[in-house]
Amino acid sequence: MRLTCPHCGPRGLEEFSYRGDATVRRPSLEAPEEDWIAYVYLRDNPCGAHKELWYHGSGCRAWLVVERNTLTHAVHSVNAVSVEDAP
């Protein structure tokens, strides 16, 4: 699998690190304990289109949102993390 970094162009997967689900949002500090337990321990394992956070550690060191199909590994888009995407 190759990812096309918006800053560096097409690169091999070994340059990137998977950093988790890009759709999960951190609860507020005042949130009940159940919300924190769900945030830390309970995650879906999606099959199909999914947004993920990746880090280009061996390149420009940018954080990226990668939308890909988890079943086929087809990459649909790669974008730099925006304020709305930040966990």
C-alpha atoms as a PDB file:
ATOM      1  CA  MET A   1       0.000   0.000   0.000  1.00  0.00           C
ATOM      2  CA  ARG A   2       1.210   3.515  -0.830  1.00  0.00           C
ATOM      3  CA  LEU A   3      -0.041   6.813   0.532  1.00  0.00           C
ATOM      4  CA  THR A   4       0.144  10.093  -1.342  1.00  0.00           C
ATOM      5  CA  CYS A   5       1.250  12.692   1.170  1.00  0.00           C
ATOM      6  CA  PRO A   6      -0.175  16.125   0.268  1.00  0.00           C
ATOM      7  CA  HIS A   7       3.288  17.607   0.947  1.00  0.00           C
ATOM      8  CA  CYS A   8       5.711  14.915  -0.310  1.00  0.00           C
ATOM      9  CA  GLY A   9       3.770  12.973  -2.963  1.00  0.00           C
ATOM     10  CA  PRO A  10       3.459   9.169  -3.233  1.00  0.00           C
ATOM     11  CA  ARG A  11       5.418   7.288  -0.558  1.00  0.00           C
ATOM     12  CA  GLY A  12       5.731   3.735   0.718  1.00  0.00           C
ATOM     13  CA  LEU A  13       3.787   2.681   3.796  1.00  0.00           C
ATOM     14  CA  GLU A  14       7.008   2.186   5.804  1.00  0.00           C
ATOM     15  CA  GLU A  15       7.332   6.007   6.053  1.00  0.00           C
ATOM     16  CA  PHE A  16       4.018   6.304   7.922  1.00  0.00           C
ATOM     17  CA  SER A  17       2.677   5.262  11.314  1.00  0.00           C
ATOM     18  CA  TYR A  18      -0.966   4.411  11.910  1.00  0.00           C
ATOM     19  CA  ARG A  19      -2.179   6.473  14.872  1.00  0.00           C
ATOM     20  CA  GLY A  20      -5.826   5.476  15.230  1.00  0.00           C
ATOM     21  CA  ASP A  21      -9.404   6.234  14.354  1.00  0.00           C
ATOM     22  CA  ALA A  22      -9.878   9.799  13.087  1.00  0.00           C
ATOM     23  CA  THR A  23     -13.544   9.859  14.068  1.00  0.00           C
ATOM     24  CA  VAL A  24     -13.097   9.361  17.838  1.00  0.00           C
ATOM     25  CA  ARG A  25     -13.500  12.530  19.915  1.00  0.00           C
ATOM     26  CA  ARG A  26     -11.960  13.006  23.361  1.00  0.00           C
ATOM     27  CA  PRO A  27     -14.532  13.671  26.100  1.00  0.00           C
ATOM     28  CA  SER A  28     -14.396  16.898  28.084  1.00  0.00           C
ATOM     29  CA  LEU A  29     -12.581  16.850  31.415  1.00  0.00           C
ATOM     30  CA  GLU A  30     -15.950  17.113  33.157  1.00  0.00           C
ATOM     31  CA  ALA A  31     -17.391  14.098  31.319  1.00  0.00           C
ATOM     32  CA  PRO A  32     -18.596  11.151  33.424  1.00  0.00           C
ATOM     33  CA  GLU A  33     -16.312   8.159  33.955  1.00  0.00           C
ATOM     34  CA  GLU A  34     -18.384   6.028  31.548  1.00  0.00           C
ATOM     35  CA  ASP A  35     -17.535   8.408  28.679  1.00  0.00           C
ATOM     36  CA  TRP A  36     -13.818   8.095  29.445  1.00  0.00           C
ATOM     37  CA  ILE A  37     -14.019   4.298  29.651  1.00  0.00           C
ATOM     38  CA  ALA A  38     -15.743   4.214  26.252  1.00  0.00           C
ATOM     39  CA  TYR A  39     -13.149   6.618  24.797  1.00  0.00           C
ATOM     40  CA  VAL A  40     -10.155   4.610  26.021  1.00  0.00           C
ATOM     41  CA  TYR A  41     -11.348   1.007  25.716  1.00  0.00           C
ATOM     42  CA  LEU A  42     -14.391   0.662  23.454  1.00  0.00           C
ATOM     43  CA  ARG A  43     -13.755   0.974  19.729  1.00  0.00           C
ATOM     44  CA  ASP A  44     -15.543  -0.258  16.630  1.00  0.00           C
ATOM     45  CA  ASN A  45     -13.741  -2.434  14.118  1.00  0.00           C
ATOM     46  CA  PRO A  46     -15.211  -1.070  10.878  1.00  0.00           C
ATOM     47  CA  CYS A  47     -15.431  -2.989   7.635  1.00  0.00           C
ATOM     48  CA  GLY A  48     -15.439  -0.654   4.649  1.00  0.00           C
ATOM     49  CA  ALA A  49     -14.829   3.082   4.287  1.00  0.00           C
ATOM     50  CA  HIS A  50     -13.151   4.565   7.355  1.00  0.00           C
ATOM     51  CA  LYS A  51     -11.147   7.683   8.336  1.00  0.00           C
ATOM     52  CA  GLU A  52      -7.831   7.084  10.089  1.00  0.00           C
ATOM     53  CA  LEU A  53      -5.026   9.240  11.493  1.00  0.00           C
ATOM     54  CA  TRP A  54      -1.557   8.580  10.079  1.00  0.00           C
ATOM     55  CA  TYR A  55       1.755  10.282  10.892  1.00  0.00           C
ATOM     56  CA  HIS A  56       4.418  10.831   8.203  1.00  0.00           C
ATOM     57  CA  GLY A  57       7.339  10.322  10.573  1.00  0.00           C
ATOM     58  CA  SER A  58       9.975   9.474   7.963  1.00  0.00           C
ATOM     59  CA  GLY A  59       8.991  12.374   5.739  1.00  0.00           C
ATOM     60  CA  CYS A  60       7.530  15.804   6.410  1.00  0.00           C
ATOM     61  CA  ARG A  61       6.219  14.785   9.876  1.00  0.00           C
ATOM     62  CA  ALA A  62       2.708  15.835   8.987  1.00  0.00           C
ATOM     63  CA  TRP A  63      -0.432  14.373  10.543  1.00  0.00           C
ATOM     64  CA  LEU A  64      -2.796  13.044   7.885  1.00  0.00           C
ATOM     65  CA  VAL A  65      -6.396  11.902   7.674  1.00  0.00           C
ATOM     66  CA  VAL A  66      -6.531   8.882   5.389  1.00  0.00           C
ATOM     67  CA  GLU A  67      -9.879   7.647   4.153  1.00  0.00           C
ATOM     68  CA  ARG A  68      -9.554   4.053   3.034  1.00  0.00           C
ATOM     69  CA  ASN A  69     -11.527   0.862   2.712  1.00  0.00           C
ATOM     70  CA  THR A  70     -10.452  -1.426   5.556  1.00  0.00           C
ATOM     71  CA  LEU A  71     -11.583  -4.493   3.600  1.00  0.00           C
ATOM     72  CA  THR A  72      -9.727  -3.828   0.325  1.00  0.00           C
ATOM     73  CA  HIS A  73      -7.100  -1.311   1.584  1.00  0.00           C
ATOM     74  CA  ALA A  74      -8.042   0.998  -1.312  1.00  0.00           C
ATOM     75  CA  VAL A  75      -7.096   4.559  -0.356  1.00  0.00           C
ATOM     76  CA  HIS A  76      -9.800   7.087  -1.286  1.00  0.00           C
ATOM     77  CA  SER A  77      -8.192  10.290   0.022  1.00  0.00           C
ATOM     78  CA  VAL A  78      -5.240  11.629   2.019  1.00  0.00           C
ATOM     79  CA  ASN A  79      -5.478  15.107   3.543  1.00  0.00           C
ATOM     80  CA  ALA A  80      -3.507  17.120   6.059  1.00  0.00           C
ATOM     81  CA  VAL A  81      -5.186  17.236   9.473  1.00  0.00           C
ATOM     82  CA  SER A  82      -7.363  20.306   9.895  1.00  0.00           C
ATOM     83  CA  VAL A  83      -8.624  21.827  13.133  1.00  0.00           C
ATOM     84  CA  GLU A  84     -11.953  20.002  12.660  1.00  0.00           C
ATOM     85  CA  ASP A  85     -10.147  16.643  12.303  1.00  0.00           C
ATOM     86  CA  ALA A  86      -7.844  17.022  15.310  1.00  0.00           C
ATOM     87  CA  PRO A  87      -8.672  14.533  18.092  1.00  0.00           C
END
